[in-house]
Amino acid sequence: MNPTNFRSLLRSTLLEGGVLFLGAVLVPLVVISDREVFMHGLSEHSVTEFLQAILILLSASVFWMRSAQLPEYRSWLQCMGGFFTIVLIREMDFYLDYVYHGFWSLVASLFLVFVVVLALRSRGTFKNGLAHFISSNSIPYFMSGVIIVIVFSRIFGSGDFLQSIMQDQYSAAIKTYIQEGLELLGYFLVTVGAVKFALMTRSKK
């Protein structure tokens, strides 16, 4: 490897490491601040919940923008953008329930139909988009984040698991802090993966 390539590789590695370190530090600080600074715990108005929504919105926006800029991968990118938009709708259920309880599910269902119809219009690009995405170096961040949100946060933050460890000292608040903190970390990694994918494909605009 020539010196120029080595310096470029080292620079990108240090940059990615710095981003991950920043996330590892900021996530617990945000959760702690909700408890110690803002004194409102992890309610729907907490900083933790707000940042989760911002990260989901950013991830969805990245995929929607790239779907407009990369017609050869459009169907897959529309599906990804649609998925995270629906996740965002679910996260906003507290506010949508002001219309009526469960209103978020109607909004999510209607949007799902819209995304399916939209993606089917360019369905021939779905396979190429999927292949390009899973072969990119953004996939480890993305998949790690998804697994943390869907699997790890639910297992490690489950009430039964924590009760078996803490016994009489167990509190439901602890379960909430652990789950929401892990979800924030997961969404952070998903966003890193989405942004990394966008940067990797920017030359294709």
Protein backbone atom coordinates (compact mmCIF):
# COMPACT_ATOMS: atom_id res chain seq x y z
CA MET A 1 0.00 0.00 0.00
CA ASN A 2 1.43 3.36 -1.00
CA PRO A 3 1.71 6.18 1.59
CA THR A 4 -1.14 8.20 0.09
CA ASN A 5 -3.59 5.31 0.29
CA PHE A 6 -2.43 4.48 3.81
CA ARG A 7 -2.99 8.04 5.00
CA SER A 8 -6.43 8.11 3.41
CA LEU A 9 -7.36 4.79 5.04
CA LEU A 10 -6.01 5.90 8.40
CA ARG A 11 -7.89 9.20 8.19
CA SER A 12 -11.21 7.53 7.36
CA THR A 13 -10.70 4.91 10.09
CA LEU A 14 -9.96 7.57 12.71
CA LEU A 15 -12.97 9.60 11.56
CA GLU A 16 -15.32 6.63 11.84
CA GLY A 17 -13.83 5.68 15.19
CA GLY A 18 -14.33 9.24 16.40
CA VAL A 19 -17.98 9.22 15.33
CA LEU A 20 -18.61 5.92 17.12
CA PHE A 21 -16.80 7.15 20.22
CA LEU A 22 -18.92 10.29 20.18
CA GLY A 23 -22.08 8.20 20.01
CA ALA A 24 -20.92 5.90 22.82
CA VAL A 25 -20.33 8.94 25.03
CA LEU A 26 -23.35 11.04 24.08
CA VAL A 27 -26.01 8.32 24.35
CA PRO A 28 -25.55 7.67 28.09
CA LEU A 29 -25.08 11.40 28.71
CA VAL A 30 -28.44 12.12 27.06
CA VAL A 31 -30.21 9.47 29.14
CA ILE A 32 -28.52 10.71 32.34
CA SER A 33 -29.48 14.30 31.52
CA ASP A 34 -33.14 13.32 31.26
CA ARG A 35 -32.91 11.96 34.79
CA GLU A 36 -30.53 14.36 36.52
CA VAL A 37 -30.87 17.66 34.63
CA PHE A 38 -34.36 17.87 33.17
CA MET A 39 -35.89 15.78 35.98
CA HIS A 40 -38.69 14.39 33.82
CA GLY A 41 -37.47 10.85 33.25
CA LEU A 42 -38.05 9.22 29.88
CA SER A 43 -41.46 10.58 29.03
CA GLU A 44 -42.67 11.25 25.51
CA HIS A 45 -41.23 14.76 25.93
CA SER A 46 -37.75 13.59 26.96
CA VAL A 47 -34.56 14.52 25.15
CA THR A 48 -33.91 10.81 24.56
CA GLU A 49 -37.23 10.32 22.76
CA PHE A 50 -36.74 13.55 20.81
CA LEU A 51 -33.28 12.50 19.59
CA GLN A 52 -34.59 9.07 18.63
CA ALA A 53 -37.18 10.75 16.42
CA ILE A 54 -34.56 13.07 14.90
CA LEU A 55 -32.27 10.15 14.05
CA ILE A 56 -35.13 8.15 12.51
CA LEU A 57 -36.19 11.20 10.49
CA LEU A 58 -32.62 11.71 9.29
CA SER A 59 -32.31 8.06 8.23
CA ALA A 60 -35.63 8.17 6.38
CA SER A 61 -34.67 11.43 4.68
CA VAL A 62 -31.36 10.01 3.48
CA PHE A 63 -33.05 7.07 1.78
CA TRP A 64 -35.82 9.19 0.26
CA MET A 65 -33.32 11.68 -1.15
CA ARG A 66 -31.11 8.95 -2.58
CA SER A 67 -34.16 7.27 -4.15
CA ALA A 68 -34.74 10.48 -6.12
CA GLN A 69 -31.07 10.75 -7.10
CA LEU A 70 -30.36 7.08 -7.91
CA PRO A 71 -33.07 5.77 -10.25
CA GLU A 72 -31.17 2.51 -10.76
CA TYR A 73 -31.74 1.66 -7.05
CA ARG A 74 -35.02 3.53 -6.59
CA SER A 75 -37.42 0.78 -5.51
CA TRP A 76 -35.19 -0.53 -2.72
CA LEU A 77 -34.38 2.97 -1.46
CA GLN A 78 -38.07 3.90 -1.45
CA CYS A 79 -38.80 0.81 0.64
CA MET A 80 -36.07 1.79 3.10
CA GLY A 81 -37.29 5.37 3.29
CA GLY A 82 -40.84 4.14 3.74
CA PHE A 83 -39.85 1.71 6.48
CA PHE A 84 -38.16 4.38 8.58
CA THR A 85 -41.00 6.82 7.96
CA ILE A 86 -43.40 4.23 9.39
CA VAL A 87 -41.04 3.69 12.34
CA LEU A 88 -41.15 7.47 12.89
CA ILE A 89 -44.96 7.44 12.76
CA ARG A 90 -44.93 4.72 15.42
CA GLU A 91 -42.57 6.78 17.57
CA MET A 92 -44.97 9.72 17.26
CA ASP A 93 -47.98 7.69 18.41
CA PHE A 94 -48.31 9.76 21.60
CA TYR A 95 -49.07 12.89 19.56
CA LEU A 96 -51.16 11.15 16.90
CA ASP A 97 -53.31 9.63 19.65
CA TYR A 98 -54.64 13.13 20.32
CA VAL A 99 -56.80 12.57 17.23
CA TYR A 100 -58.02 9.25 18.66
CA HIS A 101 -56.36 6.29 20.32
CA GLY A 102 -54.58 4.13 17.76
CA PHE A 103 -54.73 6.77 15.03
CA TRP A 104 -51.02 6.20 14.32
CA SER A 105 -51.81 2.70 13.01
CA LEU A 106 -54.20 4.12 10.41
CA VAL A 107 -51.62 6.69 9.30
CA ALA A 108 -48.91 4.01 9.15
CA SER A 109 -51.15 1.62 7.19
CA LEU A 110 -52.09 4.26 4.62
CA PHE A 111 -48.47 5.27 4.23
CA LEU A 112 -47.46 1.61 3.81
CA VAL A 113 -49.92 1.27 0.91
CA PHE A 114 -48.47 4.44 -0.62
CA VAL A 115 -44.90 3.12 -0.34
CA VAL A 116 -45.78 -0.28 -1.81
CA VAL A 117 -47.52 1.32 -4.81
CA LEU A 118 -44.61 3.73 -5.27
CA ALA A 119 -41.96 1.00 -5.05
CA LEU A 120 -43.84 -1.28 -7.45
CA ARG A 121 -43.64 1.37 -10.16
CA SER A 122 -39.88 0.82 -10.33
CA ARG A 123 -39.77 -2.75 -8.99
CA GLY A 124 -37.14 -3.73 -11.54
CA THR A 125 -34.59 -1.72 -9.56
CA PHE A 126 -35.29 -3.42 -6.23
CA LYS A 127 -32.80 -6.26 -6.57
CA ASN A 128 -29.99 -3.99 -7.76
CA GLY A 129 -30.62 -1.58 -4.90
CA LEU A 130 -30.62 -4.36 -2.33
CA ALA A 131 -27.44 -5.91 -3.73
CA HIS A 132 -25.67 -2.56 -3.78
CA PHE A 133 -26.71 -1.73 -0.24
CA ILE A 134 -25.74 -5.03 1.38
CA SER A 135 -22.38 -5.03 -0.40
CA SER A 136 -21.55 -1.53 0.85
CA ASN A 137 -19.34 -0.86 3.86
CA SER A 138 -22.25 0.89 5.56
CA ILE A 139 -24.13 -2.36 6.18
CA PRO A 140 -22.27 -3.35 9.43
CA TYR A 141 -23.35 -0.08 11.10
CA PHE A 142 -26.87 -0.33 9.77
CA MET A 143 -27.43 -3.97 10.74
CA SER A 144 -25.82 -3.50 14.16
CA GLY A 145 -28.22 -0.64 14.85
CA VAL A 146 -31.28 -2.57 13.68
CA ILE A 147 -30.34 -5.61 15.79
CA ILE A 148 -29.77 -3.45 18.88
CA VAL A 149 -33.18 -1.77 18.47
CA ILE A 150 -35.24 -4.85 17.57
CA VAL A 151 -33.48 -7.65 19.46
CA PHE A 152 -30.87 -6.63 22.03
CA SER A 153 -32.81 -3.78 23.67
CA ARG A 154 -35.84 -6.06 24.09
CA ILE A 155 -33.86 -8.95 25.59
CA PHE A 156 -31.39 -7.05 27.76
CA GLY A 157 -34.03 -4.54 28.82
CA SER A 158 -36.83 -7.03 29.45
CA GLY A 159 -38.59 -6.81 32.79
CA ASP A 160 -38.22 -10.54 33.52
CA PHE A 161 -34.47 -10.46 32.90
CA LEU A 162 -33.91 -7.39 35.06
CA GLN A 163 -36.18 -8.69 37.82
CA SER A 164 -34.21 -11.93 37.97
CA ILE A 165 -31.02 -9.91 38.53
CA MET A 166 -32.28 -7.11 40.76
CA GLN A 167 -35.07 -8.98 42.55
CA ASP A 168 -36.62 -6.69 45.19
CA GLN A 169 -34.64 -3.69 43.97
CA TYR A 170 -36.19 -3.88 40.49
CA SER A 171 -37.96 -0.78 39.20
CA ALA A 172 -39.89 -0.39 35.96
CA ALA A 173 -38.06 2.90 35.44
CA ILE A 174 -34.77 1.03 35.15
CA LYS A 175 -36.23 -1.12 32.38
CA THR A 176 -37.32 2.03 30.53
CA TYR A 177 -33.93 3.71 30.88
CA ILE A 178 -32.07 0.65 29.59
CA GLN A 179 -34.41 0.03 26.66
CA GLU A 180 -34.62 3.65 25.55
CA GLY A 181 -30.87 4.14 25.92
CA LEU A 182 -30.16 1.06 23.81
CA GLU A 183 -32.71 2.18 21.22
CA LEU A 184 -31.03 5.57 20.99
CA LEU A 185 -27.67 3.86 20.44
CA GLY A 186 -29.24 1.60 17.81
CA TYR A 187 -30.82 4.48 15.92
CA PHE A 188 -27.51 6.34 16.08
CA LEU A 189 -25.76 3.40 14.37
CA VAL A 190 -28.54 3.11 11.79
CA THR A 191 -28.14 6.80 10.98
CA VAL A 192 -24.36 6.43 10.71
CA GLY A 193 -24.92 3.58 8.24
CA ALA A 194 -27.47 5.58 6.23
CA VAL A 195 -25.25 8.67 6.03
CA LYS A 196 -22.22 6.55 5.16
CA PHE A 197 -24.21 4.95 2.34
CA ALA A 198 -25.27 8.40 1.08
CA LEU A 199 -21.67 9.63 1.08
CA MET A 200 -20.47 6.47 -0.63
CA THR A 201 -22.99 6.91 -3.46
CA ARG A 202 -22.75 10.69 -3.84
CA SER A 203 -20.64 10.34 -7.01
CA LYS A 204 -23.63 8.61 -8.63
CA LYS A 205 -25.91 11.64 -8.42
